Each structure stands twice: as C-alpha cells, then as structure tokens.
Amino acid sequence: MKFSLALIDDEESIREGICMALVPEYDIEAFATAETALERIKTSLPDLILLDIGLPGMNGIDALRKIREISPEMLVIMITAYEDIDTVISAMKLGAYDYVVKPIHMDSLMITIGNALESIRLRKEIRLLQEGYLITKMHEQSSGQ
C-alpha cells in the first residue's frame, strides 16, 4: 500500500524535484497554491501534507489552520525558505509535525517523511486494535459472558 502525499509549493522546480524523488514510493499530488490544494483536500484526504510557508495568496500558516479545520489529525510538514524562528514556532504551535528548510536535502526530507508516515501507520494500527477490542467487548456483553 502506497501512502498519499499532497505537496503545496509555489516554486515549480521544488514541486518537480520533490515529485521526481518521491513518486517511486508514494502517490503524490502537487499544488502551486493553498487554495487549490484545500479544495482537493476537502474531497480526498492525503496521508501527509508537505506545505510551503511562503505561498502567494493564502500563506502556509493560514493554510495550516484551514487544514486543521478539515482534518485535525492530519500530519503536515512545513517547508520554509528561511529559518524564521517565529514563523516556525507558529507552525509548530498550530500542530505542524515538523519542518524542513530550503534548499531541501532529499535525504533529510525522506527521513522526515518516513518518520511522519510511521507515526500515521502506528495511529492506524492502534485505532484498529481499539476497534477490535470494543467489538469483542460488545460481543461478549451481548452473549452474556
């Protein structure tokens, strides 16, 4: 099973480079603006979002707020052209999973993505175990055990 990623970055070269590096392992959909990405995310949630902070129109921080409204548990990795501590802190307070700084080092990005997706996999596994436990308990109660 391939994980799905949404990449939101206004720089075409960044989108192309990341997509080329990630396509063999992940289903990835790239967007140049937060607005177009949010429309798509409303109907088809990816497993993980890579989100540039410095976007034209709606910036990455505002987009992160909207993503949180759509899916509070969505993991988002922020991309920033500069390590502006205040902006990074704002993103982390809003629930960003992590951030990477441009120029992007693909090895580092792959590790960050791998860690985020492992977290998602574990969440899903825990949820399935909890559901199985609840179903077992309900079955036991209904059969009088």
Foldseek 3Di string as FASTA:
>chain_A
DAFEEEEEDLDPVVVVVVCVVCVVRHHYDYHNALVVVLVVCLPPPGQAYEAEQDHPDDGRLNSLLSVCVSPVPHEYEYEYQDCPPVVQVSSVVSPHPYYAYPVGDVVVVVVSVVVSVVVSVVVVVVVVVVVVVVVVVVVCVVVVD
